[in-house]
Amino acid sequence: MRGRNWLVRRVERRLGPELGQLRYIASSRRIFWKALIPCLVVGFVFGTIAEFVSPIRSTREAGHFSDPALFVTASALTGLVLWSLTLLGSFRKLLVFDHGMVAKYSQKHNRVVIPWRDIAPGSLKAVTTADGSDPDRRLVARQKVSLGAGGRNALVFQAREIFWVFASAEDPRPLVLAVQESLRDAGMADAVRATSGALPAVVLTGRTALD
């Protein structure tokens, strides 16, 4: 199964007795390239400060910035390390099991487990945008939680009085079909009928209220 890494296998082992078999993995990624230049600038700022606050190792040295190659290398590496921290939120997955969905599973205290019985009937819907922007930014609700990293498509549903949005660049159709198949196999015929309008994806042209 595509996207089944060691973290996913760990979740399968831990939640399998409760949620059953893993059926589908939806992936979402968004690399923040725009943050690279600012992070490099900050790295050079830190490098410059270090040149002035660090004591000169020898009176024979010419002074600050005496080793330009070392300064550039150390500053650039500092910037790259700062930028790499943005990658922590750049890759997300939504796991579809027999009896529910799981997201944010890398750490136990952040894990989101949503059984099928918690999803409000008829709230499941695929949305997209004509201009390729992130639909999550156009969806407005009193309580909304983003599960994906971003993309032009999104799956939206309500559970526990909260609207959950999983935005991705992938086609939402396989994800919706996987959810419907799981509901059908779980004997939730009414829920399957309620999700019959989840496709095709609704095209958002402006701010849309979910409440």
N, C-alpha and C. Protein backbone atom coordinates (compact mmCIF):
# COMPACT_ATOMS: atom_id res chain seq x y z
N MET A 1 0.84 -1.20 0.00
CA MET A 1 0.00 0.00 0.00
C MET A 1 0.88 1.25 0.00
N ARG A 2 0.62 2.16 -0.93
CA ARG A 2 1.44 3.37 -1.06
C ARG A 2 1.35 4.23 0.20
N GLY A 3 2.52 4.67 0.68
CA GLY A 3 2.56 5.52 1.87
C GLY A 3 2.58 4.78 3.18
N ARG A 4 2.72 3.46 3.14
CA ARG A 4 2.70 2.67 4.37
C ARG A 4 4.10 2.58 4.96
N ASN A 5 4.50 3.61 5.68
CA ASN A 5 5.82 3.64 6.29
C ASN A 5 5.78 3.04 7.70
N TRP A 6 6.88 3.17 8.42
CA TRP A 6 6.96 2.53 9.73
C TRP A 6 6.01 3.16 10.74
N LEU A 7 5.74 4.48 10.58
CA LEU A 7 4.79 5.14 11.48
C LEU A 7 3.38 4.60 11.27
N VAL A 8 3.02 4.40 10.00
CA VAL A 8 1.70 3.87 9.68
C VAL A 8 1.57 2.45 10.22
N ARG A 9 2.61 1.64 10.05
CA ARG A 9 2.55 0.26 10.55
C ARG A 9 2.44 0.23 12.07
N ARG A 10 3.07 1.19 12.74
CA ARG A 10 2.96 1.26 14.20
C ARG A 10 1.52 1.58 14.61
N VAL A 11 0.88 2.50 13.88
CA VAL A 11 -0.52 2.83 14.18
C VAL A 11 -1.42 1.63 13.92
N GLU A 12 -1.13 0.90 12.86
CA GLU A 12 -1.92 -0.31 12.56
C GLU A 12 -1.87 -1.29 13.72
N ARG A 13 -0.68 -1.50 14.26
CA ARG A 13 -0.54 -2.45 15.37
C ARG A 13 -1.29 -1.97 16.61
N ARG A 14 -1.22 -0.69 16.88
CA ARG A 14 -1.80 -0.17 18.11
C ARG A 14 -3.31 -0.01 18.03
N LEU A 15 -3.82 0.39 16.87
CA LEU A 15 -5.24 0.69 16.74
C LEU A 15 -6.02 -0.39 16.02
N GLY A 16 -5.33 -1.39 15.50
CA GLY A 16 -6.00 -2.46 14.78
C GLY A 16 -7.12 -3.12 15.57
N PRO A 17 -6.90 -3.47 16.85
CA PRO A 17 -7.98 -4.10 17.62
C PRO A 17 -9.23 -3.23 17.74
N GLU A 18 -9.05 -1.91 17.68
CA GLU A 18 -10.19 -1.00 17.82
C GLU A 18 -10.82 -0.63 16.48
N LEU A 19 -9.98 -0.36 15.47
CA LEU A 19 -10.48 0.18 14.21
C LEU A 19 -10.47 -0.83 13.06
N GLY A 20 -9.88 -1.98 13.25
CA GLY A 20 -9.86 -2.98 12.20
C GLY A 20 -8.71 -2.79 11.23
N GLN A 21 -8.91 -3.20 10.00
CA GLN A 21 -7.85 -3.21 9.00
C GLN A 21 -7.71 -1.85 8.31
N LEU A 22 -6.47 -1.49 7.99
CA LEU A 22 -6.21 -0.27 7.23
C LEU A 22 -6.61 -0.48 5.77
N ARG A 23 -7.39 0.47 5.23
CA ARG A 23 -7.92 0.34 3.88
C ARG A 23 -7.29 1.31 2.88
N TYR A 24 -7.00 2.52 3.33
CA TYR A 24 -6.53 3.53 2.37
C TYR A 24 -5.70 4.57 3.10
N ILE A 25 -4.69 5.09 2.39
CA ILE A 25 -3.83 6.14 2.93
C ILE A 25 -3.89 7.34 2.00
N ALA A 26 -4.41 8.46 2.48
CA ALA A 26 -4.43 9.70 1.71
C ALA A 26 -3.25 10.56 2.16
N SER A 27 -2.51 11.10 1.22
CA SER A 27 -1.30 11.86 1.53
C SER A 27 -1.47 13.33 1.19
N SER A 28 -0.82 14.16 1.97
CA SER A 28 -0.84 15.60 1.75
C SER A 28 0.54 16.14 2.07
N ARG A 29 1.06 16.96 1.17
CA ARG A 29 2.37 17.55 1.44
C ARG A 29 2.43 18.97 0.89
N ARG A 30 3.21 19.77 1.58
CA ARG A 30 3.40 21.15 1.15
C ARG A 30 4.74 21.63 1.68
N ILE A 31 5.70 21.75 0.80
CA ILE A 31 7.04 22.19 1.20
C ILE A 31 7.10 23.71 1.12
N PHE A 32 7.50 24.33 2.20
CA PHE A 32 7.50 25.79 2.31
C PHE A 32 8.80 26.36 1.73
N TRP A 33 8.87 26.37 0.39
CA TRP A 33 10.06 26.89 -0.27
C TRP A 33 10.23 28.39 -0.02
N LYS A 34 9.12 29.11 0.15
CA LYS A 34 9.20 30.56 0.38
C LYS A 34 9.90 30.90 1.68
N ALA A 35 9.95 29.94 2.60
CA ALA A 35 10.60 30.19 3.89
C ALA A 35 12.11 29.97 3.82
N LEU A 36 12.61 29.41 2.71
CA LEU A 36 14.03 29.09 2.63
C LEU A 36 14.90 30.34 2.68
N ILE A 37 14.58 31.34 1.85
CA ILE A 37 15.39 32.57 1.82
C ILE A 37 15.37 33.29 3.16
N PRO A 38 14.19 33.52 3.79
CA PRO A 38 14.21 34.15 5.11
C PRO A 38 15.03 33.38 6.14
N CYS A 39 14.97 32.04 6.08
CA CYS A 39 15.74 31.25 7.04
C CYS A 39 17.24 31.40 6.79
N LEU A 40 17.65 31.48 5.51
CA LEU A 40 19.06 31.70 5.21
C LEU A 40 19.50 33.08 5.69
N VAL A 41 18.63 34.07 5.53
CA VAL A 41 18.95 35.42 6.01
C VAL A 41 19.15 35.40 7.52
N VAL A 42 18.27 34.72 8.23
CA VAL A 42 18.41 34.61 9.68
C VAL A 42 19.70 33.88 10.04
N GLY A 43 20.04 32.86 9.26
CA GLY A 43 21.29 32.14 9.51
C GLY A 43 22.50 33.05 9.39
N PHE A 44 22.51 33.92 8.38
CA PHE A 44 23.63 34.85 8.22
C PHE A 44 23.62 35.92 9.32
N VAL A 45 22.44 36.29 9.79
CA VAL A 45 22.38 37.23 10.92
C VAL A 45 22.99 36.61 12.16
N PHE A 46 22.63 35.34 12.42
CA PHE A 46 23.22 34.66 13.56
C PHE A 46 24.73 34.51 13.39
N GLY A 47 25.16 34.20 12.16
CA GLY A 47 26.59 34.08 11.90
C GLY A 47 27.33 35.37 12.13
N THR A 48 26.73 36.49 11.72
CA THR A 48 27.36 37.81 11.93
C THR A 48 27.47 38.13 13.41
N ILE A 49 26.39 37.85 14.14
CA ILE A 49 26.43 38.11 15.58
C ILE A 49 27.51 37.28 16.24
N ALA A 50 27.61 36.01 15.81
CA ALA A 50 28.62 35.13 16.40
C ALA A 50 30.03 35.65 16.15
N GLU A 51 30.25 36.27 14.98
CA GLU A 51 31.58 36.81 14.67
C GLU A 51 31.97 37.92 15.65
N PHE A 52 30.98 38.67 16.11
CA PHE A 52 31.30 39.81 16.98
C PHE A 52 31.32 39.44 18.46
N VAL A 53 30.55 38.41 18.84
CA VAL A 53 30.51 38.05 20.26
C VAL A 53 31.53 36.98 20.61
N SER A 54 32.00 36.22 19.60
CA SER A 54 33.00 35.19 19.87
C SER A 54 34.36 35.83 20.05
N PRO A 55 35.12 35.42 21.06
CA PRO A 55 36.46 35.98 21.26
C PRO A 55 37.41 35.56 20.15
N ILE A 56 38.29 36.45 19.76
CA ILE A 56 39.31 36.14 18.77
C ILE A 56 40.28 35.14 19.37
N ARG A 57 40.54 34.06 18.65
CA ARG A 57 41.33 32.96 19.21
C ARG A 57 42.81 33.31 19.36
N SER A 58 43.31 34.24 18.60
CA SER A 58 44.73 34.54 18.68
C SER A 58 44.97 35.99 18.29
N THR A 59 45.91 36.60 18.91
CA THR A 59 46.22 38.00 18.58
C THR A 59 46.82 38.11 17.20
N ARG A 60 47.28 36.98 16.61
CA ARG A 60 47.85 37.01 15.26
C ARG A 60 46.78 37.01 14.17
N GLU A 61 45.51 36.67 14.57
CA GLU A 61 44.46 36.65 13.58
C GLU A 61 44.12 38.05 13.14
N ALA A 62 43.64 38.17 11.93
CA ALA A 62 43.33 39.49 11.39
C ALA A 62 42.15 40.13 12.08
N GLY A 63 41.24 39.34 12.69
CA GLY A 63 40.07 39.88 13.37
C GLY A 63 38.83 39.18 12.91
N HIS A 64 37.72 39.87 13.03
CA HIS A 64 36.44 39.31 12.66
C HIS A 64 36.37 39.04 11.16
N PHE A 65 35.60 38.01 10.80
CA PHE A 65 35.43 37.59 9.41
C PHE A 65 36.77 37.25 8.74
N SER A 66 37.69 36.72 9.56
CA SER A 66 39.00 36.36 9.02
C SER A 66 38.96 35.11 8.17
N ASP A 67 37.89 34.30 8.31
CA ASP A 67 37.73 33.08 7.54
C ASP A 67 36.37 33.14 6.83
N PRO A 68 36.30 33.83 5.69
CA PRO A 68 35.00 34.01 4.99
C PRO A 68 34.34 32.69 4.62
N ALA A 69 35.13 31.70 4.21
CA ALA A 69 34.54 30.42 3.81
C ALA A 69 33.83 29.75 4.98
N LEU A 70 34.45 29.77 6.14
CA LEU A 70 33.83 29.18 7.33
C LEU A 70 32.58 29.95 7.72
N PHE A 71 32.64 31.27 7.63
CA PHE A 71 31.49 32.10 7.98
C PHE A 71 30.29 31.79 7.08
N VAL A 72 30.55 31.73 5.77
CA VAL A 72 29.46 31.46 4.83
C VAL A 72 28.89 30.06 5.04
N THR A 73 29.77 29.08 5.21
CA THR A 73 29.31 27.71 5.39
C THR A 73 28.49 27.55 6.66
N ALA A 74 29.00 28.09 7.78
CA ALA A 74 28.30 27.96 9.06
C ALA A 74 26.96 28.70 9.02
N SER A 75 26.93 29.88 8.41
CA SER A 75 25.69 30.65 8.34
C SER A 75 24.65 29.95 7.47
N ALA A 76 25.09 29.43 6.32
CA ALA A 76 24.17 28.73 5.42
C ALA A 76 23.62 27.48 6.09
N LEU A 77 24.47 26.73 6.78
CA LEU A 77 24.00 25.52 7.46
C LEU A 77 23.00 25.87 8.56
N THR A 78 23.23 26.97 9.26
CA THR A 78 22.28 27.40 10.29
C THR A 78 20.92 27.71 9.68
N GLY A 79 20.94 28.40 8.53
CA GLY A 79 19.70 28.71 7.85
C GLY A 79 18.98 27.47 7.36
N LEU A 80 19.73 26.50 6.84
CA LEU A 80 19.12 25.25 6.36
C LEU A 80 18.52 24.45 7.50
N VAL A 81 19.17 24.48 8.65
CA VAL A 81 18.62 23.77 9.81
C VAL A 81 17.31 24.41 10.24
N LEU A 82 17.27 25.73 10.24
CA LEU A 82 16.03 26.43 10.59
C LEU A 82 14.92 26.09 9.59
N TRP A 83 15.26 26.06 8.30
CA TRP A 83 14.25 25.76 7.28
C TRP A 83 13.77 24.31 7.38
N SER A 84 14.67 23.41 7.76
CA SER A 84 14.29 22.00 7.87
C SER A 84 13.22 21.79 8.94
N LEU A 85 13.14 22.71 9.90
CA LEU A 85 12.12 22.59 10.94
C LEU A 85 10.72 22.75 10.35
N THR A 86 10.60 23.48 9.24
CA THR A 86 9.29 23.64 8.61
C THR A 86 8.81 22.34 7.98
N LEU A 87 9.72 21.41 7.73
CA LEU A 87 9.34 20.14 7.12
C LEU A 87 8.54 19.26 8.06
N LEU A 88 8.57 19.59 9.35
CA LEU A 88 7.83 18.78 10.32
C LEU A 88 6.33 18.80 10.04
N GLY A 89 5.84 19.92 9.49
CA GLY A 89 4.43 20.02 9.17
C GLY A 89 4.13 19.96 7.70
N SER A 90 5.10 19.52 6.90
CA SER A 90 4.94 19.52 5.45
C SER A 90 4.37 18.23 4.89
N PHE A 91 4.35 17.18 5.69
CA PHE A 91 3.88 15.89 5.21
C PHE A 91 2.84 15.34 6.18
N ARG A 92 1.62 15.14 5.68
CA ARG A 92 0.53 14.64 6.51
C ARG A 92 -0.17 13.48 5.80
N LYS A 93 -0.81 12.62 6.58
CA LYS A 93 -1.57 11.51 6.03
C LYS A 93 -2.89 11.36 6.79
N LEU A 94 -3.88 10.86 6.08
CA LEU A 94 -5.16 10.52 6.68
C LEU A 94 -5.39 9.03 6.41
N LEU A 95 -5.53 8.26 7.48
CA LEU A 95 -5.65 6.81 7.37
C LEU A 95 -7.11 6.39 7.50
N VAL A 96 -7.57 5.60 6.55
CA VAL A 96 -8.94 5.09 6.57
C VAL A 96 -8.92 3.62 6.98
N PHE A 97 -9.55 3.34 8.12
CA PHE A 97 -9.65 1.98 8.63
C PHE A 97 -11.07 1.44 8.44
N ASP A 98 -11.28 0.21 8.86
CA ASP A 98 -12.61 -0.40 8.76
C ASP A 98 -13.67 0.40 9.52
N HIS A 99 -13.27 0.96 10.66
CA HIS A 99 -14.26 1.58 11.54
C HIS A 99 -13.96 3.04 11.88
N GLY A 100 -13.14 3.70 11.08
CA GLY A 100 -12.89 5.11 11.35
C GLY A 100 -11.64 5.62 10.65
N MET A 101 -11.29 6.86 10.96
CA MET A 101 -10.13 7.52 10.36
C MET A 101 -9.16 7.98 11.44
N VAL A 102 -7.89 8.08 11.06
CA VAL A 102 -6.84 8.49 11.99
C VAL A 102 -5.95 9.53 11.31
N ALA A 103 -5.60 10.57 12.05
CA ALA A 103 -4.70 11.62 11.56
C ALA A 103 -3.80 12.08 12.70
N LYS A 104 -2.73 12.78 12.34
CA LYS A 104 -1.78 13.33 13.33
C LYS A 104 -1.33 12.24 14.31
N TYR A 105 -0.85 11.14 13.76
CA TYR A 105 -0.57 9.96 14.56
C TYR A 105 0.90 9.82 14.96
N SER A 106 1.76 10.76 14.57
CA SER A 106 3.18 10.60 14.87
C SER A 106 3.46 10.62 16.36
N GLN A 107 2.63 11.37 17.11
CA GLN A 107 2.78 11.41 18.57
C GLN A 107 1.43 11.06 19.20
N LYS A 108 1.47 10.25 20.22
CA LYS A 108 0.24 9.73 20.81
C LYS A 108 -0.67 10.84 21.34
N HIS A 109 -0.08 11.87 21.96
CA HIS A 109 -0.90 12.91 22.57
C HIS A 109 -1.56 13.82 21.53
N ASN A 110 -1.07 13.80 20.28
CA ASN A 110 -1.68 14.59 19.21
C ASN A 110 -2.60 13.77 18.31
N ARG A 111 -2.64 12.49 18.48
CA ARG A 111 -3.36 11.60 17.58
C ARG A 111 -4.86 11.92 17.56
N VAL A 112 -5.41 11.94 16.35
CA VAL A 112 -6.85 12.16 16.16
C VAL A 112 -7.47 10.88 15.63
N VAL A 113 -8.37 10.30 16.39
CA VAL A 113 -9.09 9.08 16.00
C VAL A 113 -10.57 9.43 15.90
N ILE A 114 -11.15 9.24 14.71
CA ILE A 114 -12.55 9.59 14.49
C ILE A 114 -13.30 8.36 14.00
N PRO A 115 -14.03 7.70 14.90
CA PRO A 115 -14.84 6.54 14.48
C PRO A 115 -15.98 6.99 13.57
N TRP A 116 -16.46 6.09 12.75
CA TRP A 116 -17.55 6.44 11.82
C TRP A 116 -18.78 6.94 12.55
N ARG A 117 -19.04 6.42 13.73
CA ARG A 117 -20.25 6.81 14.46
C ARG A 117 -20.22 8.27 14.91
N ASP A 118 -19.03 8.88 14.94
CA ASP A 118 -18.92 10.27 15.38
C ASP A 118 -19.15 11.28 14.26
N ILE A 119 -19.10 10.84 13.02
CA ILE A 119 -19.25 11.76 11.89
C ILE A 119 -20.72 12.09 11.67
N ALA A 120 -21.02 13.39 11.58
CA ALA A 120 -22.40 13.82 11.37
C ALA A 120 -22.88 13.36 10.00
N PRO A 121 -24.07 12.76 9.92
CA PRO A 121 -24.60 12.28 8.63
C PRO A 121 -24.71 13.40 7.60
N GLY A 122 -24.25 13.14 6.41
CA GLY A 122 -24.36 14.10 5.33
C GLY A 122 -23.33 15.21 5.35
N SER A 123 -22.41 15.21 6.32
CA SER A 123 -21.43 16.30 6.39
C SER A 123 -20.20 16.04 5.53
N LEU A 124 -20.00 14.79 5.11
CA LEU A 124 -18.82 14.45 4.31
C LEU A 124 -18.95 15.04 2.91
N LYS A 125 -17.93 15.81 2.49
CA LYS A 125 -17.98 16.47 1.18
C LYS A 125 -16.58 16.75 0.67
N ALA A 126 -16.41 16.55 -0.64
CA ALA A 126 -15.15 16.92 -1.30
C ALA A 126 -15.30 18.32 -1.88
N VAL A 127 -14.26 19.14 -1.73
CA VAL A 127 -14.28 20.50 -2.26
C VAL A 127 -12.98 20.76 -3.00
N THR A 128 -13.00 21.74 -3.88
CA THR A 128 -11.82 22.11 -4.64
C THR A 128 -11.91 23.60 -5.00
N THR A 129 -10.88 24.12 -5.64
CA THR A 129 -10.87 25.51 -6.09
C THR A 129 -10.47 25.55 -7.55
N ALA A 130 -11.02 26.53 -8.26
CA ALA A 130 -10.73 26.64 -9.69
C ALA A 130 -9.34 27.22 -9.94
N ASP A 131 -8.84 28.04 -9.02
CA ASP A 131 -7.55 28.69 -9.23
C ASP A 131 -6.39 27.94 -8.60
N GLY A 132 -6.64 26.78 -8.02
CA GLY A 132 -5.57 25.98 -7.43
C GLY A 132 -5.16 26.39 -6.04
N SER A 133 -5.86 27.35 -5.43
CA SER A 133 -5.53 27.76 -4.07
C SER A 133 -6.04 26.74 -3.06
N ASP A 134 -5.59 26.86 -1.83
CA ASP A 134 -5.96 25.92 -0.79
C ASP A 134 -7.40 26.18 -0.35
N PRO A 135 -8.31 25.21 -0.52
CA PRO A 135 -9.70 25.44 -0.11
C PRO A 135 -9.86 25.62 1.39
N ASP A 136 -8.91 25.12 2.16
CA ASP A 136 -9.00 25.25 3.62
C ASP A 136 -9.06 26.72 4.02
N ARG A 137 -8.40 27.60 3.26
CA ARG A 137 -8.39 29.01 3.59
C ARG A 137 -9.72 29.70 3.30
N ARG A 138 -10.56 29.06 2.50
CA ARG A 138 -11.85 29.65 2.14
C ARG A 138 -13.00 29.11 2.99
N LEU A 139 -12.74 28.08 3.75
CA LEU A 139 -13.77 27.48 4.57
C LEU A 139 -13.77 28.12 5.96
N VAL A 140 -14.94 28.56 6.39
CA VAL A 140 -15.07 29.27 7.66
C VAL A 140 -16.04 28.53 8.57
N ALA A 141 -15.64 28.35 9.82
CA ALA A 141 -16.50 27.69 10.80
C ALA A 141 -16.11 28.15 12.19
N ARG A 142 -17.04 28.01 13.12
CA ARG A 142 -16.74 28.39 14.50
C ARG A 142 -15.62 27.52 15.07
N GLN A 143 -15.66 26.23 14.74
CA GLN A 143 -14.60 25.31 15.15
C GLN A 143 -14.16 24.51 13.93
N LYS A 144 -12.91 24.70 13.54
CA LYS A 144 -12.37 24.01 12.37
C LYS A 144 -10.94 23.58 12.65
N VAL A 145 -10.62 22.37 12.26
CA VAL A 145 -9.28 21.82 12.45
C VAL A 145 -8.74 21.33 11.11
N SER A 146 -7.52 21.74 10.78
CA SER A 146 -6.88 21.31 9.54
C SER A 146 -6.06 20.06 9.81
N LEU A 147 -6.29 19.04 9.00
CA LEU A 147 -5.57 17.79 9.14
C LEU A 147 -4.50 17.60 8.08
N GLY A 148 -4.60 18.32 6.97
CA GLY A 148 -3.65 18.17 5.88
C GLY A 148 -2.62 19.28 5.85
N ALA A 149 -1.62 19.11 4.99
CA ALA A 149 -0.59 20.13 4.83
C ALA A 149 -1.00 21.20 3.83
N GLY A 150 -1.90 20.87 2.92
CA GLY A 150 -2.36 21.83 1.93
C GLY A 150 -2.51 21.21 0.55
N GLY A 151 -3.21 21.91 -0.32
CA GLY A 151 -3.45 21.43 -1.67
C GLY A 151 -4.70 22.06 -2.24
N ARG A 152 -5.00 21.78 -3.51
CA ARG A 152 -6.15 22.40 -4.15
C ARG A 152 -7.45 21.66 -3.90
N ASN A 153 -7.39 20.46 -3.33
CA ASN A 153 -8.58 19.67 -3.02
C ASN A 153 -8.66 19.42 -1.52
N ALA A 154 -9.85 19.10 -1.05
CA ALA A 154 -10.00 18.83 0.38
C ALA A 154 -11.21 17.96 0.64
N LEU A 155 -11.11 17.17 1.69
CA LEU A 155 -12.24 16.42 2.22
C LEU A 155 -12.68 17.12 3.50
N VAL A 156 -13.97 17.41 3.60
CA VAL A 156 -14.52 18.12 4.75
C VAL A 156 -15.58 17.25 5.40
N PHE A 157 -15.58 17.19 6.72
CA PHE A 157 -16.64 16.49 7.45
C PHE A 157 -16.74 17.05 8.86
N GLN A 158 -17.87 16.81 9.48
CA GLN A 158 -18.10 17.29 10.84
C GLN A 158 -18.18 16.12 11.80
N ALA A 159 -17.47 16.24 12.90
CA ALA A 159 -17.50 15.22 13.94
C ALA A 159 -17.23 15.90 15.28
N ARG A 160 -18.02 15.54 16.28
CA ARG A 160 -17.86 16.11 17.63
C ARG A 160 -18.01 17.63 17.61
N GLU A 161 -18.91 18.12 16.78
CA GLU A 161 -19.22 19.55 16.65
C GLU A 161 -18.03 20.35 16.12
N ILE A 162 -17.11 19.68 15.46
CA ILE A 162 -15.94 20.32 14.86
C ILE A 162 -15.90 19.96 13.38
N PHE A 163 -15.55 20.92 12.54
CA PHE A 163 -15.35 20.63 11.13
C PHE A 163 -13.88 20.32 10.90
N TRP A 164 -13.64 19.19 10.26
CA TRP A 164 -12.28 18.71 10.00
C TRP A 164 -12.02 18.83 8.49
N VAL A 165 -10.85 19.35 8.14
CA VAL A 165 -10.51 19.58 6.73
C VAL A 165 -9.17 18.92 6.43
N PHE A 166 -9.18 18.02 5.44
CA PHE A 166 -7.94 17.40 4.99
C PHE A 166 -7.68 17.87 3.56
N ALA A 167 -6.81 18.87 3.41
CA ALA A 167 -6.47 19.43 2.11
C ALA A 167 -5.28 18.71 1.51
N SER A 168 -5.35 18.45 0.20
CA SER A 168 -4.31 17.69 -0.47
C SER A 168 -4.33 18.03 -1.96
N ALA A 169 -3.21 17.76 -2.62
CA ALA A 169 -3.14 17.93 -4.07
C ALA A 169 -3.69 16.71 -4.80
N GLU A 170 -3.96 15.62 -4.07
CA GLU A 170 -4.47 14.40 -4.67
C GLU A 170 -5.96 14.53 -5.03
N ASP A 171 -6.38 13.72 -5.98
CA ASP A 171 -7.80 13.62 -6.33
C ASP A 171 -8.55 13.07 -5.11
N PRO A 172 -9.59 13.76 -4.64
CA PRO A 172 -10.30 13.30 -3.43
C PRO A 172 -11.21 12.09 -3.67
N ARG A 173 -11.44 11.73 -4.93
CA ARG A 173 -12.38 10.65 -5.22
C ARG A 173 -11.98 9.32 -4.57
N PRO A 174 -10.72 8.84 -4.69
CA PRO A 174 -10.38 7.57 -4.04
C PRO A 174 -10.57 7.60 -2.53
N LEU A 175 -10.31 8.73 -1.90
CA LEU A 175 -10.50 8.85 -0.45
C LEU A 175 -11.97 8.74 -0.09
N VAL A 176 -12.82 9.45 -0.83
CA VAL A 176 -14.25 9.39 -0.56
C VAL A 176 -14.79 7.98 -0.78
N LEU A 177 -14.38 7.34 -1.85
CA LEU A 177 -14.84 5.98 -2.14
C LEU A 177 -14.38 4.99 -1.07
N ALA A 178 -13.16 5.20 -0.54
CA ALA A 178 -12.66 4.32 0.52
C ALA A 178 -13.50 4.47 1.78
N VAL A 179 -13.89 5.71 2.09
CA VAL A 179 -14.74 5.95 3.26
C VAL A 179 -16.10 5.30 3.06
N GLN A 180 -16.69 5.48 1.89
CA GLN A 180 -18.00 4.89 1.62
C GLN A 180 -17.96 3.37 1.66
N GLU A 181 -16.91 2.78 1.16
CA GLU A 181 -16.77 1.33 1.19
C GLU A 181 -16.65 0.82 2.62
N SER A 182 -15.90 1.55 3.44
CA SER A 182 -15.74 1.16 4.84
C SER A 182 -17.08 1.25 5.57
N LEU A 183 -17.84 2.32 5.31
CA LEU A 183 -19.16 2.47 5.93
C LEU A 183 -20.09 1.34 5.51
N ARG A 184 -20.03 1.00 4.24
CA ARG A 184 -20.90 -0.07 3.72
C ARG A 184 -20.55 -1.41 4.36
N ASP A 185 -19.27 -1.72 4.45
CA ASP A 185 -18.85 -2.99 5.03
C ASP A 185 -19.10 -3.04 6.54
N ALA A 186 -19.17 -1.85 7.16
CA ALA A 186 -19.45 -1.80 8.60
C ALA A 186 -20.94 -1.90 8.88
N GLY A 187 -21.76 -2.04 7.83
CA GLY A 187 -23.20 -2.18 8.00
C GLY A 187 -23.92 -0.88 8.25
N MET A 188 -23.31 0.26 7.88
CA MET A 188 -23.91 1.58 8.12
C MET A 188 -24.52 2.09 6.81
N ALA A 189 -25.61 1.44 6.39
CA ALA A 189 -26.25 1.78 5.11
C ALA A 189 -26.77 3.22 5.10
N ASP A 190 -27.31 3.68 6.22
CA ASP A 190 -27.82 5.05 6.28
C ASP A 190 -26.69 6.06 6.08
N ALA A 191 -25.54 5.78 6.66
CA ALA A 191 -24.39 6.68 6.51
C ALA A 191 -23.90 6.70 5.06
N VAL A 192 -23.95 5.54 4.40
CA VAL A 192 -23.54 5.48 3.00
C VAL A 192 -24.46 6.35 2.15
N ARG A 193 -25.75 6.27 2.38
CA ARG A 193 -26.70 7.10 1.64
C ARG A 193 -26.48 8.57 1.93
N ALA A 194 -26.11 8.88 3.18
CA ALA A 194 -25.89 10.28 3.55
C ALA A 194 -24.65 10.86 2.86
N THR A 195 -23.70 9.99 2.51
CA THR A 195 -22.48 10.48 1.86
C THR A 195 -22.56 10.39 0.34
N SER A 196 -23.72 10.06 -0.18
CA SER A 196 -23.85 9.90 -1.64
C SER A 196 -23.61 11.21 -2.38
N GLY A 197 -23.77 12.34 -1.72
CA GLY A 197 -23.55 13.63 -2.36
C GLY A 197 -22.15 14.19 -2.15
N ALA A 198 -21.24 13.34 -1.63
CA ALA A 198 -19.88 13.82 -1.36
C ALA A 198 -19.11 14.12 -2.64
N LEU A 199 -19.48 13.46 -3.73
CA LEU A 199 -18.87 13.67 -5.04
C LEU A 199 -19.95 14.05 -6.03
N PRO A 200 -19.63 14.84 -7.06
CA PRO A 200 -18.31 15.42 -7.36
C PRO A 200 -17.95 16.57 -6.41
N ALA A 201 -16.69 16.95 -6.44
CA ALA A 201 -16.21 18.00 -5.55
C ALA A 201 -16.88 19.34 -5.87
N VAL A 202 -17.23 20.06 -4.82
CA VAL A 202 -17.80 21.40 -4.96
C VAL A 202 -16.67 22.39 -5.22
N VAL A 203 -16.84 23.25 -6.21
CA VAL A 203 -15.83 24.25 -6.54
C VAL A 203 -16.11 25.51 -5.73
N LEU A 204 -15.17 25.88 -4.87
CA LEU A 204 -15.31 27.07 -4.04
C LEU A 204 -14.79 28.30 -4.81
N THR A 205 -15.60 29.34 -4.84
CA THR A 205 -15.20 30.57 -5.53
C THR A 205 -14.97 31.72 -4.57
N GLY A 206 -15.30 31.55 -3.32
CA GLY A 206 -15.11 32.59 -2.31
C GLY A 206 -15.18 31.98 -0.93
N ARG A 207 -15.25 32.81 0.08
CA ARG A 207 -15.35 32.33 1.46
C ARG A 207 -16.67 31.60 1.63
N THR A 208 -16.60 30.41 2.24
CA THR A 208 -17.76 29.55 2.40
C THR A 208 -17.93 29.19 3.85
N ALA A 209 -19.10 29.44 4.41
CA ALA A 209 -19.38 29.12 5.80
C ALA A 209 -19.83 27.66 5.91
N LEU A 210 -19.25 26.93 6.82
CA LEU A 210 -19.61 25.54 7.04
C LEU A 210 -20.74 25.38 8.06
N ASP A 211 -20.84 26.32 8.96
CA ASP A 211 -21.87 26.24 10.00
C ASP A 211 -23.24 26.58 9.41
